Amino acid sequence: MTKPADLTDRHFDEVAAGELTFDQIAAKYGEATAINVGIARDPDNPEVTAAMFAQAQPAIAVHPHLVAQDLRRRQQRDGLAKRAVSIELDIDVLAYFLEGGPGWEERLNAALRRAVPASAQGGALGGE
């Protein structure tokens, strides 16, 4: 959170703990300060620290089922049948599919589809 240069940390904390409204703070210290006071006053929205960022993980790593559910919803809403992704493959696996020439992505998708249990195919993410 950015505090204006003319406000010390102690004075900012006093303003944040005080009873002034947004408009009163904005008139006295500026709109940016009023916004930052609002942020400081919100216990459900703490400022994200460097330590919090260091512990952050991608959603797919924490809740893969929610990411899959979101993909299904998007497919249903937007009618998308495929989605571009970035994936790391072993060189020999990639070489095998590339050697077949154009259409290697479709062949790779078909091989992956064969690995997916039949019960999971044909749903919101099923089909090509």
Protein backbone atom coordinates (compact mmCIF):
# COMPACT_ATOMS: atom_id res chain seq x y z
CA MET A 1 0.00 0.00 0.00
CA THR A 2 1.42 3.39 -0.95
CA LYS A 3 1.29 6.17 1.59
CA PRO A 4 1.76 9.79 0.49
CA ALA A 5 5.13 11.34 1.31
CA ASP A 6 3.54 13.94 3.60
CA LEU A 7 2.00 11.27 5.86
CA THR A 8 4.20 9.37 8.27
CA ASP A 9 3.37 5.73 8.92
CA ARG A 10 2.11 6.68 12.39
CA HIS A 11 -0.12 9.46 11.07
CA PHE A 12 -1.47 7.20 8.32
CA ASP A 13 -2.31 4.53 10.91
CA GLU A 14 -4.08 7.17 13.01
CA VAL A 15 -6.13 8.29 9.99
CA ALA A 16 -6.97 4.66 9.17
CA ALA A 17 -8.07 4.02 12.75
CA GLY A 18 -10.06 7.26 12.89
CA GLU A 19 -13.66 8.05 12.06
CA LEU A 20 -13.16 10.19 8.96
CA THR A 21 -15.16 9.18 5.92
CA PHE A 22 -13.71 8.49 2.49
CA ASP A 23 -14.75 11.95 1.26
CA GLN A 24 -13.25 13.68 4.27
CA ILE A 25 -9.94 11.85 3.88
CA ALA A 26 -9.90 12.50 0.14
CA ALA A 27 -10.51 16.24 0.71
CA LYS A 28 -7.73 16.50 3.29
CA TYR A 29 -5.10 14.05 1.97
CA GLY A 30 -6.14 13.16 -1.57
CA GLU A 31 -8.10 10.37 -3.21
CA ALA A 32 -5.17 7.93 -3.29
CA THR A 33 -4.77 8.19 0.47
CA ALA A 34 -8.51 7.72 0.98
CA ILE A 35 -8.38 4.56 -1.15
CA ASN A 36 -5.41 3.23 0.81
CA VAL A 37 -7.15 3.98 4.11
CA GLY A 38 -10.13 1.98 2.85
CA ILE A 39 -7.81 -0.91 2.04
CA ALA A 40 -6.17 -0.68 5.45
CA ARG A 41 -9.58 -0.71 7.15
CA ASP A 42 -10.72 -3.89 5.39
CA PRO A 43 -9.78 -6.93 7.51
CA ASP A 44 -11.02 -9.33 4.81
CA ASN A 45 -8.63 -7.93 2.22
CA PRO A 46 -5.18 -7.63 3.77
CA GLU A 47 -2.28 -6.26 1.79
CA VAL A 48 -0.44 -9.09 0.03
CA THR A 49 3.10 -9.35 1.35
CA ALA A 50 6.24 -10.73 -0.25
CA ALA A 51 5.97 -13.74 2.07
CA MET A 52 2.44 -14.41 0.78
CA PHE A 53 3.67 -14.22 -2.82
CA ALA A 54 6.51 -16.61 -1.98
CA GLN A 55 3.98 -19.19 -0.77
CA ALA A 56 1.60 -18.72 -3.68
CA GLN A 57 0.94 -21.65 -6.01
CA PRO A 58 -0.94 -21.93 -9.29
CA ALA A 59 -4.61 -22.82 -8.93
CA ILE A 60 -4.10 -26.05 -10.88
CA ALA A 61 -1.61 -27.24 -8.24
CA VAL A 62 -3.88 -26.44 -5.31
CA HIS A 63 -7.35 -27.27 -6.65
CA PRO A 64 -7.11 -29.18 -9.95
CA HIS A 65 -10.76 -30.26 -9.67
CA LEU A 66 -11.90 -26.62 -9.60
CA VAL A 67 -9.79 -25.78 -12.65
CA ALA A 68 -11.29 -28.76 -14.50
CA GLN A 69 -14.78 -27.65 -13.45
CA ASP A 70 -14.06 -24.15 -14.76
CA LEU A 71 -12.86 -25.58 -18.08
CA ARG A 72 -16.06 -27.60 -18.38
CA ARG A 73 -18.19 -24.53 -17.68
CA ARG A 74 -16.30 -22.49 -20.27
CA GLN A 75 -16.69 -25.26 -22.84
CA GLN A 76 -20.42 -25.39 -22.23
CA ARG A 77 -20.78 -21.61 -22.29
CA ASP A 78 -18.52 -20.88 -25.26
CA GLY A 79 -18.86 -24.12 -27.20
CA LEU A 80 -15.11 -24.64 -27.15
CA ALA A 81 -13.95 -28.12 -28.04
CA LYS A 82 -10.21 -27.53 -27.70
CA ARG A 83 -7.87 -25.32 -25.75
CA ALA A 84 -4.27 -24.38 -26.46
CA VAL A 85 -1.89 -25.34 -23.65
CA SER A 86 1.82 -25.38 -23.05
CA ILE A 87 3.21 -28.79 -22.11
CA GLU A 88 6.68 -30.24 -21.60
CA LEU A 89 7.18 -33.57 -23.34
CA ASP A 90 10.13 -35.91 -23.43
CA ILE A 91 12.12 -35.27 -26.60
CA ASP A 92 11.67 -38.83 -27.87
CA VAL A 93 7.89 -38.64 -27.44
CA LEU A 94 7.72 -35.33 -29.30
CA ALA A 95 10.04 -36.64 -32.03
CA TYR A 96 7.79 -39.68 -32.51
CA PHE A 97 4.74 -37.54 -33.23
CA LEU A 98 6.64 -34.95 -35.30
CA GLU A 99 8.08 -37.68 -37.55
CA GLY A 100 4.57 -38.39 -38.77
CA GLY A 101 4.46 -34.94 -40.34
CA PRO A 102 1.55 -32.51 -40.29
CA GLY A 103 -1.28 -33.47 -37.99
CA TRP A 104 1.05 -34.49 -35.16
CA GLU A 105 -1.01 -32.51 -32.64
CA GLU A 106 -4.17 -34.39 -33.59
CA ARG A 107 -2.32 -37.71 -33.30
CA LEU A 108 -0.96 -36.73 -29.90
CA ASN A 109 -4.47 -35.70 -28.79
CA ALA A 110 -5.85 -39.06 -29.99
CA ALA A 111 -3.16 -40.94 -28.05
CA LEU A 112 -3.97 -38.95 -24.92
CA ARG A 113 -7.69 -39.55 -25.45
CA ARG A 114 -7.04 -43.32 -25.50
CA ALA A 115 -5.40 -42.91 -22.08
CA VAL A 116 -8.49 -41.24 -20.61
CA PRO A 117 -11.01 -43.68 -19.10
CA ALA A 118 -14.16 -44.07 -21.19
CA SER A 119 -16.27 -42.89 -18.25
CA ALA A 120 -14.55 -39.49 -18.43
CA GLN A 121 -14.96 -39.11 -22.19
CA GLY A 122 -17.93 -37.56 -23.95
CA GLY A 123 -18.72 -35.19 -21.10
CA ALA A 124 -18.42 -31.43 -21.22
CA LEU A 125 -14.76 -31.76 -22.16
CA GLY A 126 -15.15 -34.86 -24.29
CA GLY A 127 -15.15 -35.03 -28.05
CA GLU A 128 -12.91 -33.22 -30.46
